[in-house]
Amino acid sequence: MHEAARRKLGPGFIGIWLDNAPVHKACAEFLADSLFDEVVFQPPSSPDTNHCDAGVFVNMAQKVHKRRPKNLSEIRAAVAEAWQEIDSKHLRKASDRVRTNMKTIKDLKGGELLH
């Protein structure tokens, strides 16, 4: 995978900034060994700066959970259906949340995120 990322991104350092989601922590070693030159975790309780983390994934996860998929095929179908059900109003709210969070970070001159 590292070679594929290198071909796509070109020469130079490839890093990734992750939140502290359990899935990210669980795969950090794999990501560092196979794909990225560095894996950095943001401080706990940092504001979301990713649109998907700012409300989209949580909304989709709730919709998928309600369907109670039992296998990979059902999970994929439930995720596709959940994505189709997200309306533009919800996406706008997530985008507004990220914009507000980024402004706060900028106003704090990076705050704890830069330390």
C-alpha atoms as a PDB file:
ATOM      1  CA  MET A   1       0.000   0.000   0.000  1.00  0.00           C
ATOM      2  CA  HIS A   2       2.859   2.340   0.742  1.00  0.00           C
ATOM      3  CA  GLU A   3       4.010   2.110  -2.882  1.00  0.00           C
ATOM      4  CA  ALA A   4       0.502   2.915  -4.151  1.00  0.00           C
ATOM      5  CA  ALA A   5       0.313   5.966  -1.879  1.00  0.00           C
ATOM      6  CA  ARG A   6       3.781   7.045  -2.976  1.00  0.00           C
ATOM      7  CA  ARG A   7       2.774   6.775  -6.662  1.00  0.00           C
ATOM      8  CA  LYS A   8      -0.360   8.811  -6.016  1.00  0.00           C
ATOM      9  CA  LEU A   9       1.154  11.451  -3.732  1.00  0.00           C
ATOM     10  CA  GLY A  10       4.660  11.630  -5.169  1.00  0.00           C
ATOM     11  CA  PRO A  11       7.982  11.862  -3.346  1.00  0.00           C
ATOM     12  CA  GLY A  12       8.332  13.254   0.139  1.00  0.00           C
ATOM     13  CA  PHE A  13       6.978  12.741   3.604  1.00  0.00           C
ATOM     14  CA  ILE A  14       3.532  11.129   3.953  1.00  0.00           C
ATOM     15  CA  GLY A  15       1.876  11.589   7.319  1.00  0.00           C
ATOM     16  CA  ILE A  16      -1.626  11.251   8.701  1.00  0.00           C
ATOM     17  CA  TRP A  17      -3.369  13.089  11.523  1.00  0.00           C
ATOM     18  CA  LEU A  18      -5.996  10.997  13.322  1.00  0.00           C
ATOM     19  CA  ASP A  19      -8.481  11.523  16.093  1.00  0.00           C
ATOM     20  CA  ASN A  20      -8.557   9.119  19.031  1.00  0.00           C
ATOM     21  CA  ALA A  21     -11.299   6.843  17.721  1.00  0.00           C
ATOM     22  CA  PRO A  22     -10.721   3.256  18.869  1.00  0.00           C
ATOM     23  CA  VAL A  23     -10.511   2.036  15.265  1.00  0.00           C
ATOM     24  CA  HIS A  24      -7.737   4.551  14.558  1.00  0.00           C
ATOM     25  CA  LYS A  25      -5.770   3.517  17.623  1.00  0.00           C
ATOM     26  CA  ALA A  26      -6.206  -0.147  16.762  1.00  0.00           C
ATOM     27  CA  CYS A  27      -4.748   0.253  13.276  1.00  0.00           C
ATOM     28  CA  ALA A  28      -2.057   2.893  14.038  1.00  0.00           C
ATOM     29  CA  GLU A  29       0.817   0.395  13.937  1.00  0.00           C
ATOM     30  CA  PHE A  30      -0.367  -1.039  10.623  1.00  0.00           C
ATOM     31  CA  LEU A  31      -0.731   2.443   9.140  1.00  0.00           C
ATOM     32  CA  ALA A  32       2.748   3.446  10.303  1.00  0.00           C
ATOM     33  CA  ASP A  33       4.341   0.239   9.014  1.00  0.00           C
ATOM     34  CA  SER A  34       2.605  -0.020   5.680  1.00  0.00           C
ATOM     35  CA  LEU A  35       1.415   3.337   4.430  1.00  0.00           C
ATOM     36  CA  PHE A  36       2.545   6.463   6.262  1.00  0.00           C
ATOM     37  CA  ASP A  37       5.885   7.807   7.376  1.00  0.00           C
ATOM     38  CA  GLU A  38       4.279   9.131  10.550  1.00  0.00           C
ATOM     39  CA  VAL A  39       0.961   8.666  12.347  1.00  0.00           C
ATOM     40  CA  VAL A  40       0.030  11.514  14.716  1.00  0.00           C
ATOM     41  CA  PHE A  41      -2.911  11.507  17.094  1.00  0.00           C
ATOM     42  CA  GLN A  42      -4.588  14.804  17.875  1.00  0.00           C
ATOM     43  CA  PRO A  43      -5.014  15.705  21.544  1.00  0.00           C
ATOM     44  CA  PRO A  44      -8.104  14.276  23.283  1.00  0.00           C
ATOM     45  CA  SER A  45     -11.206  16.479  23.075  1.00  0.00           C
ATOM     46  CA  SER A  46      -9.853  18.364  20.058  1.00  0.00           C
ATOM     47  CA  PRO A  47     -12.548  19.889  17.858  1.00  0.00           C
ATOM     48  CA  ASP A  48     -13.502  17.950  14.741  1.00  0.00           C
ATOM     49  CA  THR A  49     -11.923  19.329  11.585  1.00  0.00           C
ATOM     50  CA  ASN A  50     -13.104  16.551   9.300  1.00  0.00           C
ATOM     51  CA  HIS A  51     -16.576  16.783   7.803  1.00  0.00           C
ATOM     52  CA  CYS A  52     -17.253  13.081   8.182  1.00  0.00           C
ATOM     53  CA  ASP A  53     -16.220  13.113  11.851  1.00  0.00           C
ATOM     54  CA  ALA A  54     -18.346  16.210  12.500  1.00  0.00           C
ATOM     55  CA  GLY A  55     -21.617  14.345  12.206  1.00  0.00           C
ATOM     56  CA  VAL A  56     -21.768  12.276   9.028  1.00  0.00           C
ATOM     57  CA  PHE A  57     -20.242   9.023  10.326  1.00  0.00           C
ATOM     58  CA  VAL A  58     -22.234   9.105  13.567  1.00  0.00           C
ATOM     59  CA  ASN A  59     -25.462   9.621  11.650  1.00  0.00           C
ATOM     60  CA  MET A  60     -24.650   6.820   9.218  1.00  0.00           C
ATOM     61  CA  ALA A  61     -23.618   4.452  12.029  1.00  0.00           C
ATOM     62  CA  GLN A  62     -26.965   4.965  13.758  1.00  0.00           C
ATOM     63  CA  LYS A  63     -28.840   4.194  10.538  1.00  0.00           C
ATOM     64  CA  VAL A  64     -26.742   1.087   9.855  1.00  0.00           C
ATOM     65  CA  HIS A  65     -27.142  -0.158  13.435  1.00  0.00           C
ATOM     66  CA  LYS A  66     -30.955   0.068  13.156  1.00  0.00           C
ATOM     67  CA  ARG A  67     -30.847  -2.280  10.159  1.00  0.00           C
ATOM     68  CA  ARG A  68     -28.919  -4.902  12.173  1.00  0.00           C
ATOM     69  CA  PRO A  69     -26.830  -6.248   9.275  1.00  0.00           C
ATOM     70  CA  LYS A  70     -25.591  -9.801   9.782  1.00  0.00           C
ATOM     71  CA  ASN A  71     -22.830 -10.155   7.186  1.00  0.00           C
ATOM     72  CA  LEU A  72     -20.479  -8.133   5.010  1.00  0.00           C
ATOM     73  CA  SER A  73     -22.946  -7.908   2.142  1.00  0.00           C
ATOM     74  CA  GLU A  74     -25.682  -6.576   4.431  1.00  0.00           C
ATOM     75  CA  ILE A  75     -23.251  -4.111   6.029  1.00  0.00           C
ATOM     76  CA  ARG A  76     -22.271  -2.746   2.626  1.00  0.00           C
ATOM     77  CA  ALA A  77     -25.908  -2.427   1.583  1.00  0.00           C
ATOM     78  CA  ALA A  78     -26.842  -0.717   4.868  1.00  0.00           C
ATOM     79  CA  VAL A  79     -23.954   1.769   4.545  1.00  0.00           C
ATOM     80  CA  ALA A  80     -24.937   2.592   0.954  1.00  0.00           C
ATOM     81  CA  GLU A  81     -28.557   3.128   2.004  1.00  0.00           C
ATOM     82  CA  ALA A  82     -27.524   5.256   5.001  1.00  0.00           C
ATOM     83  CA  TRP A  83     -25.406   7.469   2.750  1.00  0.00           C
ATOM     84  CA  GLN A  84     -28.324   7.956   0.346  1.00  0.00           C
ATOM     85  CA  GLU A  85     -30.587   8.952   3.253  1.00  0.00           C
ATOM     86  CA  ILE A  86     -28.338  11.802   4.422  1.00  0.00           C
ATOM     87  CA  ASP A  87     -29.859  15.025   3.195  1.00  0.00           C
ATOM     88  CA  SER A  88     -28.145  18.240   2.210  1.00  0.00           C
ATOM     89  CA  LYS A  89     -29.373  19.958   5.395  1.00  0.00           C
ATOM     90  CA  HIS A  90     -27.444  17.457   7.522  1.00  0.00           C
ATOM     91  CA  LEU A  91     -24.319  17.857   5.376  1.00  0.00           C
ATOM     92  CA  ARG A  92     -24.611  21.651   5.702  1.00  0.00           C
ATOM     93  CA  LYS A  93     -24.741  21.338   9.503  1.00  0.00           C
ATOM     94  CA  ALA A  94     -21.589  19.192   9.511  1.00  0.00           C
ATOM     95  CA  SER A  95     -19.845  21.688   7.236  1.00  0.00           C
ATOM     96  CA  ASP A  96     -20.892  24.610   9.434  1.00  0.00           C
ATOM     97  CA  ARG A  97     -19.596  22.754  12.513  1.00  0.00           C
ATOM     98  CA  VAL A  98     -16.199  22.205  10.867  1.00  0.00           C
ATOM     99  CA  ARG A  99     -16.048  25.843   9.754  1.00  0.00           C
ATOM    100  CA  THR A 100     -16.790  27.004  13.319  1.00  0.00           C
ATOM    101  CA  ASN A 101     -14.194  24.615  14.750  1.00  0.00           C
ATOM    102  CA  MET A 102     -11.535  25.780  12.283  1.00  0.00           C
ATOM    103  CA  LYS A 103     -12.271  29.429  13.123  1.00  0.00           C
ATOM    104  CA  THR A 104     -11.925  28.639  16.828  1.00  0.00           C
ATOM    105  CA  ILE A 105      -8.589  26.910  16.232  1.00  0.00           C
ATOM    106  CA  LYS A 106      -7.382  29.863  14.161  1.00  0.00           C
ATOM    107  CA  ASP A 107      -8.547  32.376  16.787  1.00  0.00           C
ATOM    108  CA  LEU A 108      -6.638  30.422  19.437  1.00  0.00           C
ATOM    109  CA  LYS A 109      -3.594  30.431  17.131  1.00  0.00           C
ATOM    110  CA  GLY A 110      -3.628  26.644  17.167  1.00  0.00           C
ATOM    111  CA  GLY A 111      -4.050  26.396  20.933  1.00  0.00           C
ATOM    112  CA  GLU A 112      -3.170  22.974  22.254  1.00  0.00           C
ATOM    113  CA  LEU A 113      -3.144  21.464  18.762  1.00  0.00           C
ATOM    114  CA  LEU A 114       0.309  22.906  18.069  1.00  0.00           C
ATOM    115  CA  HIS A 115       1.931  21.777  21.310  1.00  0.00           C
END
